[in-house]
């Protein structure tokens, strides 16, 4: 790269600080390219890139190795799930939520089930709500372990990545025992869950909870005092609390900037109001803070799971409401009325009253919401997703400006996006 004179540098800085230039920089990729100055370079990162955590394209504008601006471009995995939902019954759409944030399918299942029940005006029985809370926290740990491991892998620390994957494998084995599937679980049902959890499986979860924290501490001892790890994370990708709120960030990205917002506390759902836990926050707003949030939330989720297992009530795991909830197989095979109800629900679906509802949960990545517009039929007239990966990726340009190009790998990893839910 040619060396700029002092006059050239002053002129470039004057243009960059002008109001018109700042407005242009907030607009689309073509304007970003058209306004390149002097020797600044436009560089594509992704969508086929091992460090973009999916098919994410980021157009970077560089001055040497310093990022002047970044424009994330979503849409390379667009599958039309919101449109697809309009042509399915509410029950039929549940398996598709497994493919949104595919690192936490159990959590997605809970979110869509709660949204449908809110639209129908029904509520799952107590045991079903405790089970849903349990699997949501298991999904949170599983997702955070992936984020922790992949962040370390992006920085070259492969050992922690392997350790976190071993723990995730154990969780997947537990998911398989709970519902018969490891990855795409489809465990929830309208009015409850597909099947009960036996005492033997609950005991296995307790045993895993005893073994898990020491293994997590072992990972902390390996990297949290490593000079290279800290230098690559601390002070990188800063996001102020004001910008985080303005840009719609949620979850660990928001709480790492010191904003104590967690829907489990601010808008309690399921049985979170009966549990004792803290909202984990960090004040530095950098990549290290976002990493530490997820690490500390793993411990907090383990604490929650202990409480849930101790307080788990007995009772029905699915609501007995023939007009909204599928009856059990034994009843279908032995009773004519239940067979008729099953036929009607499978063919025409549960029918919410006309109206609009919005239901959100605190997923591992932030606020996952479903906005349902019902026209009084068994299919949603509109089903809109509020996915945390989409909103959190809006913070990427703010984090990237002024950083080095090598820092983009760390910044994207600290956001922890999943393009399955970002591209709807």
Protein backbone atom coordinates (compact mmCIF):
# COMPACT_ATOMS: atom_id res chain seq x y z
CA UNK A 1 0.00 0.00 0.00
CA UNK A 2 1.39 3.47 -0.93
CA UNK A 3 2.23 5.89 1.88
CA UNK A 4 -0.16 8.86 2.11
CA UNK A 5 1.11 12.39 2.65
CA UNK A 6 -0.06 14.42 5.64
CA UNK A 7 -2.31 16.50 3.35
CA UNK A 8 -3.90 13.39 1.87
CA UNK A 9 -4.57 11.95 5.31
CA UNK A 10 -6.18 15.21 6.50
CA UNK A 11 -8.38 15.35 3.40
CA UNK A 12 -9.50 11.73 3.81
CA UNK A 13 -10.29 12.28 7.49
CA UNK A 14 -12.23 15.45 6.64
CA UNK A 15 -14.37 13.54 4.14
CA UNK A 16 -14.90 10.64 6.56
CA UNK A 17 -16.03 13.02 9.31
CA UNK A 18 -18.49 14.85 7.05
CA UNK A 19 -22.21 14.41 7.64
CA UNK A 20 -22.86 13.28 4.04
CA UNK A 21 -20.18 10.59 4.20
CA UNK A 22 -21.54 9.21 7.50
CA UNK A 23 -25.02 9.05 5.99
CA UNK A 24 -23.70 7.19 2.96
CA UNK A 25 -21.88 4.72 5.18
CA UNK A 26 -25.16 3.79 6.84
CA UNK A 27 -26.70 2.81 3.51
CA UNK A 28 -26.36 -0.25 1.28
CA UNK A 29 -23.36 -2.15 -0.03
CA UNK A 30 -23.30 -0.45 -3.44
CA UNK A 31 -22.92 2.98 -1.82
CA UNK A 32 -20.19 1.63 0.40
CA UNK A 33 -18.32 0.53 -2.71
CA UNK A 34 -18.99 3.73 -4.67
CA UNK A 35 -17.56 5.95 -1.95
CA UNK A 36 -14.18 4.19 -1.65
CA UNK A 37 -11.42 6.68 -0.97
CA UNK A 38 -7.88 6.62 -2.33
CA UNK A 39 -6.38 3.19 -1.63
CA UNK A 40 -9.22 1.84 0.54
CA UNK A 41 -10.17 -1.69 -0.44
CA UNK A 42 -13.52 -3.49 -0.58
CA UNK A 43 -13.28 -7.09 0.61
CA UNK A 44 -15.89 -9.86 0.75
CA UNK A 45 -15.84 -12.07 3.84
CA UNK A 46 -18.12 -15.06 3.29
CA UNK A 47 -20.68 -16.34 2.62
CA UNK A 48 -18.51 -19.48 2.23
CA UNK A 49 -16.14 -18.89 5.12
CA UNK A 50 -15.39 -21.18 8.08
CA UNK A 51 -15.45 -18.31 10.59
CA UNK A 52 -18.80 -16.71 9.63
CA UNK A 53 -20.75 -19.42 11.49
CA UNK A 54 -22.99 -20.08 8.52
CA UNK A 55 -23.69 -18.46 5.16
CA UNK A 56 -23.16 -14.88 6.32
CA UNK A 57 -21.62 -12.39 3.89
CA UNK A 58 -19.89 -9.33 5.30
CA UNK A 59 -18.66 -6.63 2.92
CA UNK A 60 -15.67 -4.92 4.50
CA UNK A 61 -14.18 -1.58 3.61
CA UNK A 62 -10.53 -1.50 4.65
CA UNK A 63 -7.86 1.10 5.12
CA UNK A 64 -4.84 -1.19 5.18
CA UNK A 65 -5.89 -3.80 7.74
CA UNK A 66 -8.20 -1.45 9.65
CA UNK A 67 -11.96 -1.83 9.10
CA UNK A 68 -13.57 1.46 8.07
CA UNK A 69 -17.05 -0.01 7.66
CA UNK A 70 -18.77 -3.37 7.48
CA UNK A 71 -22.11 -4.34 5.96
CA UNK A 72 -23.52 -7.75 6.94
CA UNK A 73 -25.66 -9.25 4.21
CA UNK A 74 -28.19 -11.91 5.15
CA UNK A 75 -30.29 -14.00 2.83
CA UNK A 76 -28.03 -16.73 1.49
CA UNK A 77 -30.01 -19.39 3.38
CA UNK A 78 -33.49 -18.01 2.79
CA UNK A 79 -35.97 -20.87 3.07
CA UNK A 80 -39.23 -18.99 3.36
CA UNK A 81 -40.25 -20.43 6.73
CA UNK A 82 -42.60 -17.57 7.53
CA UNK A 83 -44.45 -18.14 4.25
CA UNK A 84 -44.36 -21.89 4.71
CA UNK A 85 -46.09 -21.48 8.08
CA UNK A 86 -49.12 -19.96 6.36
CA UNK A 87 -49.72 -23.22 4.51
CA UNK A 88 -49.43 -25.55 7.52
CA UNK A 89 -51.51 -26.12 10.60
CA UNK A 90 -50.06 -24.90 13.88
CA UNK A 91 -49.24 -28.45 14.92
CA UNK A 92 -47.54 -29.24 11.61
CA UNK A 93 -45.21 -26.26 11.93
CA UNK A 94 -43.63 -27.35 15.23
CA UNK A 95 -40.91 -29.57 13.61
CA UNK A 96 -39.79 -26.65 11.43
CA UNK A 97 -38.75 -24.68 14.51
CA UNK A 98 -36.03 -27.29 15.14
CA UNK A 99 -34.32 -25.92 12.04
CA UNK A 100 -34.29 -22.27 13.15
CA UNK A 101 -31.63 -22.02 15.86
CA UNK A 102 -30.54 -25.60 15.27
CA UNK A 103 -28.13 -25.39 18.22
CA UNK A 104 -31.07 -25.11 20.64
CA UNK A 105 -34.06 -26.94 19.09
CA UNK A 106 -35.65 -27.72 22.45
CA UNK A 107 -35.80 -24.00 23.25
CA UNK A 108 -37.37 -23.21 19.87
CA UNK A 109 -39.99 -25.92 20.42
CA UNK A 110 -40.96 -24.37 23.75
CA UNK A 111 -41.25 -20.90 22.17
CA UNK A 112 -43.59 -21.96 19.36
CA UNK A 113 -45.72 -24.07 21.71
CA UNK A 114 -46.16 -21.13 24.09
CA UNK A 115 -47.01 -18.84 21.17
CA UNK A 116 -49.68 -21.21 19.84
CA UNK A 117 -51.15 -21.73 23.31
CA UNK A 118 -51.26 -17.97 23.83
CA UNK A 119 -53.19 -17.60 20.58
CA UNK A 120 -55.57 -20.43 21.57
CA UNK A 121 -56.02 -19.14 25.11
CA UNK A 122 -54.95 -22.37 26.81
CA UNK A 123 -52.21 -23.33 29.28
CA UNK A 124 -50.21 -26.52 29.70
CA UNK A 125 -50.52 -28.45 33.00
CA UNK A 126 -47.93 -27.79 35.76
CA UNK A 127 -45.71 -30.81 35.11
CA UNK A 128 -45.47 -29.93 31.41
CA UNK A 129 -44.39 -26.40 32.31
CA UNK A 130 -41.65 -27.66 34.64
CA UNK A 131 -40.43 -30.10 31.98
CA UNK A 132 -40.35 -27.30 29.41
CA UNK A 133 -38.34 -25.12 31.76
CA UNK A 134 -35.89 -27.98 32.32
CA UNK A 135 -35.30 -28.67 28.63
CA UNK A 136 -35.00 -24.93 27.90
CA UNK A 137 -32.10 -24.66 30.35
CA UNK A 138 -30.51 -27.81 28.93
CA UNK A 139 -30.75 -26.20 25.48
CA UNK A 140 -29.20 -22.99 26.85
CA UNK A 141 -26.17 -24.87 28.17
CA UNK A 142 -25.82 -26.84 24.93
CA UNK A 143 -25.93 -23.65 22.83
CA UNK A 144 -23.51 -21.77 25.07
CA UNK A 145 -21.06 -24.68 25.04
CA UNK A 146 -21.04 -24.47 21.26
CA UNK A 147 -20.42 -20.72 21.41
CA UNK A 148 -17.62 -21.09 23.95
CA UNK A 149 -15.95 -23.93 22.06
CA UNK A 150 -16.20 -22.34 18.62
CA UNK A 151 -14.89 -19.00 19.92
CA UNK A 152 -11.83 -20.76 21.33
CA UNK A 153 -11.44 -22.70 18.07
CA UNK A 154 -11.56 -19.44 16.07
CA UNK A 155 -8.59 -18.29 18.15
CA UNK A 156 -6.72 -21.57 17.74
CA UNK A 157 -7.58 -23.16 21.11
CA UNK A 158 -8.84 -26.49 19.85
CA UNK A 159 -8.70 -28.35 23.17
CA UNK A 160 -11.57 -26.37 24.72
CA UNK A 161 -13.62 -26.94 21.57
CA UNK A 162 -13.22 -30.70 21.97
CA UNK A 163 -14.08 -30.56 25.67
CA UNK A 164 -17.28 -28.59 25.08
CA UNK A 165 -18.30 -30.98 22.31
CA UNK A 166 -17.91 -33.93 24.68
CA UNK A 167 -20.37 -32.28 27.10
CA UNK A 168 -22.76 -31.48 24.27
CA UNK A 169 -22.66 -35.12 23.23
CA UNK A 170 -23.72 -36.08 26.73
CA UNK A 171 -26.61 -33.61 26.50
CA UNK A 172 -27.62 -35.03 23.13
CA UNK A 173 -27.69 -38.51 24.67
CA UNK A 174 -30.04 -37.16 27.34
CA UNK A 175 -32.23 -35.51 24.69
CA UNK A 176 -32.44 -38.84 22.91
CA UNK A 177 -33.61 -40.56 26.08
CA UNK A 178 -36.16 -37.82 26.72
CA UNK A 179 -37.80 -37.74 23.29
CA UNK A 180 -36.09 -40.27 21.00
CA UNK A 181 -34.15 -37.69 18.96
CA UNK A 182 -30.79 -36.05 19.49
CA UNK A 183 -30.83 -33.01 17.23
CA UNK A 184 -34.20 -32.21 15.64
CA UNK A 185 -36.27 -33.04 18.68
CA UNK A 186 -39.84 -31.77 17.98
CA UNK A 187 -40.59 -32.56 21.62
CA UNK A 188 -43.27 -30.03 22.52
CA UNK A 189 -46.94 -30.34 21.65
CA UNK A 190 -49.80 -27.88 21.83
CA UNK A 191 -50.83 -28.12 25.48
CA UNK A 192 -47.72 -29.89 26.77
CA UNK A 193 -44.98 -32.24 25.62
CA UNK A 194 -44.94 -35.39 23.49
CA UNK A 195 -44.19 -37.76 26.36
CA UNK A 196 -43.36 -37.75 30.05
CA UNK A 197 -39.82 -37.93 31.44
CA UNK A 198 -39.19 -40.98 33.61
CA UNK A 199 -37.53 -40.84 37.01
CA UNK A 200 -34.58 -42.81 35.62
CA UNK A 201 -33.88 -40.12 33.03
CA UNK A 202 -34.22 -37.37 35.66
CA UNK A 203 -31.64 -39.21 37.76
CA UNK A 204 -29.26 -39.29 34.76
CA UNK A 205 -29.70 -35.53 34.34
CA UNK A 206 -28.87 -35.05 38.04
CA UNK A 207 -25.72 -37.13 37.63
CA UNK A 208 -24.64 -35.09 34.61
CA UNK A 209 -25.21 -31.88 36.59
CA UNK A 210 -22.83 -33.12 39.28
CA UNK A 211 -20.10 -33.90 36.75
CA UNK A 212 -20.52 -30.84 34.51
CA UNK A 213 -19.29 -27.81 36.58
CA UNK A 214 -15.80 -29.21 37.30
CA UNK A 215 -15.29 -29.88 33.59
CA UNK A 216 -16.35 -26.31 32.80
CA UNK A 217 -13.90 -25.00 35.41
CA UNK A 218 -11.15 -27.05 33.75
CA UNK A 219 -11.79 -25.19 30.50
CA UNK A 220 -11.67 -21.88 32.37
CA UNK A 221 -8.30 -22.74 33.89
CA UNK A 222 -6.89 -23.50 30.45
CA UNK A 223 -7.81 -20.33 28.54
CA UNK A 224 -9.05 -17.57 30.87
CA UNK A 225 -5.50 -16.64 31.93
CA UNK A 226 -3.93 -17.27 28.55
CA UNK A 227 -2.24 -14.07 27.37
CA UNK A 228 -2.97 -14.66 23.68
CA UNK A 229 -6.64 -15.42 24.39
CA UNK A 230 -7.12 -12.29 26.52
CA UNK A 231 -5.28 -10.00 24.07
CA UNK A 232 -7.40 -11.22 21.16
CA UNK A 233 -10.69 -10.77 23.10
CA UNK A 234 -10.39 -7.89 25.58
CA UNK A 235 -11.22 -4.46 24.17
CA UNK A 236 -12.23 -5.88 20.78
CA UNK A 237 -15.66 -5.26 19.24
CA UNK A 238 -16.83 -2.71 21.81
CA UNK A 239 -20.58 -2.06 21.96
CA UNK A 240 -21.90 0.64 24.28
CA UNK A 241 -25.13 0.08 26.25
CA UNK A 242 -26.84 2.90 24.34
CA UNK A 243 -25.90 1.44 20.94
CA UNK A 244 -26.88 -2.05 22.04
CA UNK A 245 -30.36 -0.83 22.93
CA UNK A 246 -30.70 1.35 19.83
CA UNK A 247 -29.72 -1.53 17.52
CA UNK A 248 -32.13 -4.01 19.14
CA UNK A 249 -29.54 -6.35 20.64
CA UNK A 250 -30.80 -8.97 23.07
CA UNK A 251 -29.46 -11.88 25.09
CA UNK A 252 -25.74 -12.17 25.94
CA UNK A 253 -24.84 -9.42 23.44
CA UNK A 254 -27.03 -6.93 25.34
CA UNK A 255 -26.18 -8.13 28.83
CA UNK A 256 -22.43 -7.98 28.06
CA UNK A 257 -22.88 -4.21 27.64
CA UNK A 258 -24.26 -3.93 31.17
CA UNK A 259 -28.00 -3.95 30.38
CA UNK A 260 -29.71 -6.36 32.78
CA UNK A 261 -32.58 -7.48 30.56
CA UNK A 262 -33.68 -11.11 30.64
CA UNK A 263 -37.25 -12.11 29.74
CA UNK A 264 -37.12 -14.86 32.35
CA UNK A 265 -37.08 -12.04 34.94
CA UNK A 266 -38.66 -9.04 33.19
CA UNK A 267 -41.58 -11.00 31.63
CA UNK A 268 -41.62 -14.35 33.44
CA UNK A 269 -43.06 -17.35 31.60
CA UNK A 270 -43.35 -21.05 32.41
CA UNK A 271 -42.18 -21.41 36.06
CA UNK A 272 -39.23 -18.99 36.12
CA UNK A 273 -41.02 -16.83 38.69
CA UNK A 274 -40.79 -19.77 41.11
CA UNK A 275 -37.03 -20.18 40.70
CA UNK A 276 -34.06 -18.37 42.20
CA UNK A 277 -31.46 -17.15 39.70
CA UNK A 278 -29.50 -14.04 38.76
CA UNK A 279 -29.32 -12.04 35.55
CA UNK A 280 -25.71 -12.36 34.42
CA UNK A 281 -24.20 -9.08 33.19
CA UNK A 282 -20.78 -7.71 32.27
CA UNK A 283 -19.93 -4.03 31.82
CA UNK A 284 -17.06 -4.04 29.34
CA UNK A 285 -19.16 -4.58 26.19
CA UNK A 286 -16.35 -6.33 24.31
CA UNK A 287 -15.81 -9.82 22.92
CA UNK A 288 -14.41 -11.09 26.20
CA UNK A 289 -17.48 -9.86 28.08
CA UNK A 290 -19.82 -11.66 25.67
CA UNK A 291 -17.75 -14.83 26.07
CA UNK A 292 -17.83 -14.59 29.87
CA UNK A 293 -21.59 -14.02 29.89
CA UNK A 294 -22.16 -17.37 28.20
CA UNK A 295 -19.64 -19.11 30.44
CA UNK A 296 -21.29 -17.78 33.62
CA UNK A 297 -24.79 -18.51 32.31
CA UNK A 298 -23.84 -22.18 31.98
CA UNK A 299 -23.26 -22.26 35.74
CA UNK A 300 -26.49 -20.33 36.36
CA UNK A 301 -28.51 -22.71 34.17
CA UNK A 302 -27.05 -25.67 36.07
CA UNK A 303 -28.24 -24.02 39.30
CA UNK A 304 -31.70 -23.62 37.78
CA UNK A 305 -31.81 -27.25 36.67
CA UNK A 306 -31.03 -28.44 40.22
CA UNK A 307 -34.01 -26.45 41.50
CA UNK A 308 -36.29 -27.77 38.77
CA UNK A 309 -35.36 -31.38 39.44
CA UNK A 310 -35.96 -30.89 43.18
CA UNK A 311 -39.38 -29.28 42.64
CA UNK A 312 -40.65 -31.32 39.67
CA UNK A 313 -44.35 -32.09 40.35
CA UNK A 314 -46.28 -35.18 39.35
CA UNK A 315 -49.34 -35.06 37.10
CA UNK A 316 -50.37 -34.85 33.47
CA UNK A 317 -47.76 -33.90 30.88
CA UNK A 318 -50.29 -32.77 28.27
CA UNK A 319 -53.56 -30.86 28.49
CA UNK A 320 -56.76 -32.84 27.96
CA UNK A 321 -58.64 -30.48 25.63
CA UNK A 322 -60.12 -32.29 22.60
CA UNK A 323 -60.55 -29.12 20.51
CA UNK A 324 -56.93 -27.98 20.75
CA UNK A 325 -54.75 -30.85 21.96
CA UNK A 326 -54.11 -34.20 20.33
CA UNK A 327 -55.31 -37.14 22.45
CA UNK A 328 -52.97 -39.96 23.43
CA UNK A 329 -52.50 -42.96 21.14
CA UNK A 330 -54.12 -45.35 23.62
CA UNK A 331 -57.27 -43.22 23.64
CA UNK A 332 -57.32 -42.92 19.85
CA UNK A 333 -57.10 -46.70 19.45
CA UNK A 334 -59.84 -47.44 22.00
CA UNK A 335 -62.38 -44.59 21.91
CA UNK A 336 -64.41 -43.30 18.97
CA UNK A 337 -64.69 -39.73 20.29
CA UNK A 338 -60.92 -39.36 20.59
CA UNK A 339 -60.46 -40.80 17.11
CA UNK A 340 -62.83 -38.15 15.72
CA UNK A 341 -61.02 -35.37 17.60
CA UNK A 342 -57.67 -36.60 16.30
CA UNK A 343 -59.04 -36.69 12.73
CA UNK A 344 -60.33 -33.09 12.98
CA UNK A 345 -57.13 -31.73 14.52
CA UNK A 346 -54.85 -33.44 12.01
CA UNK A 347 -56.91 -32.34 9.00
CA UNK A 348 -58.10 -28.89 10.06
CA UNK A 349 -55.84 -27.97 12.96
CA UNK A 350 -56.50 -26.19 16.24
CA UNK A 351 -58.37 -22.95 15.51
CA UNK A 352 -57.51 -19.82 17.53
CA UNK A 353 -59.98 -16.93 17.59
CA UNK A 354 -59.36 -14.07 15.19
CA UNK A 355 -56.72 -11.68 16.46
CA UNK A 356 -53.04 -11.00 16.98
CA UNK A 357 -50.68 -12.28 19.67
CA UNK A 358 -46.96 -11.91 20.34
CA UNK A 359 -45.13 -14.38 22.55
CA UNK A 360 -41.41 -14.33 23.32
CA UNK A 361 -38.95 -16.32 25.40
CA UNK A 362 -35.34 -15.77 26.44
CA UNK A 363 -33.62 -18.19 24.08
CA UNK A 364 -29.86 -18.83 24.44
CA UNK A 365 -29.16 -16.07 21.90
CA UNK A 366 -31.75 -13.56 23.09
CA UNK A 367 -35.40 -12.71 22.56
CA UNK A 368 -37.07 -15.30 20.33
CA UNK A 369 -40.61 -14.18 19.55
CA UNK A 370 -43.50 -15.36 17.40
CA UNK A 371 -46.10 -12.90 16.19
CA UNK A 372 -49.24 -14.76 15.15
CA UNK A 373 -52.16 -13.27 13.22
CA UNK A 374 -55.15 -15.61 13.21
CA UNK A 375 -58.00 -15.32 10.74
CA UNK A 376 -60.08 -17.95 12.53
CA UNK A 377 -58.81 -20.93 10.54
CA UNK A 378 -56.43 -23.78 11.39
CA UNK A 379 -53.54 -22.10 9.53
CA UNK A 380 -51.94 -18.83 10.69
CA UNK A 381 -52.73 -15.92 8.39
CA UNK A 382 -49.27 -14.65 9.32
CA UNK A 383 -46.52 -16.06 11.52
CA UNK A 384 -43.64 -13.64 11.94
CA UNK A 385 -40.40 -14.55 13.75
CA UNK A 386 -38.42 -12.18 15.93
CA UNK A 387 -35.10 -14.02 15.81
CA UNK A 388 -32.23 -12.85 18.05
CA UNK A 389 -29.55 -13.68 15.47
CA UNK A 390 -31.08 -11.18 13.02
CA UNK A 391 -31.24 -8.35 15.54
CA UNK A 392 -27.83 -9.10 17.04
CA UNK A 393 -26.16 -9.05 13.61
CA UNK A 394 -27.28 -5.42 13.28
CA UNK A 395 -24.61 -4.61 15.86
CA UNK A 396 -21.80 -6.01 13.69
CA UNK A 397 -20.88 -2.75 11.86
CA UNK A 398 -20.75 -0.86 15.17
CA UNK A 399 -18.43 -3.48 16.68
CA UNK A 400 -16.24 -3.78 13.58
CA UNK A 401 -15.41 -0.14 12.83
CA UNK A 402 -11.86 0.63 13.85
CA UNK A 403 -10.93 -3.00 14.44
CA UNK A 404 -8.41 -5.02 12.49
CA UNK A 405 -9.55 -7.45 9.81
CA UNK A 406 -8.31 -10.39 11.93
CA UNK A 407 -10.68 -9.22 14.68
CA UNK A 408 -13.74 -9.92 12.50
CA UNK A 409 -13.42 -13.62 13.23
CA UNK A 410 -13.58 -12.94 16.96
CA UNK A 411 -16.39 -10.38 16.67
CA UNK A 412 -18.66 -12.66 14.66
CA UNK A 413 -17.99 -15.50 17.10
CA UNK A 414 -18.86 -13.26 20.05
CA UNK A 415 -22.25 -12.46 18.51
CA UNK A 416 -22.85 -16.22 18.06
CA UNK A 417 -25.30 -15.97 15.14
CA UNK A 418 -27.08 -18.94 13.57
CA UNK A 419 -28.14 -18.24 10.03
CA UNK A 420 -30.93 -20.82 10.22
CA UNK A 421 -32.99 -18.33 12.23
CA UNK A 422 -31.48 -15.16 10.73
CA UNK A 423 -32.68 -16.08 7.21
CA UNK A 424 -36.38 -16.67 7.59
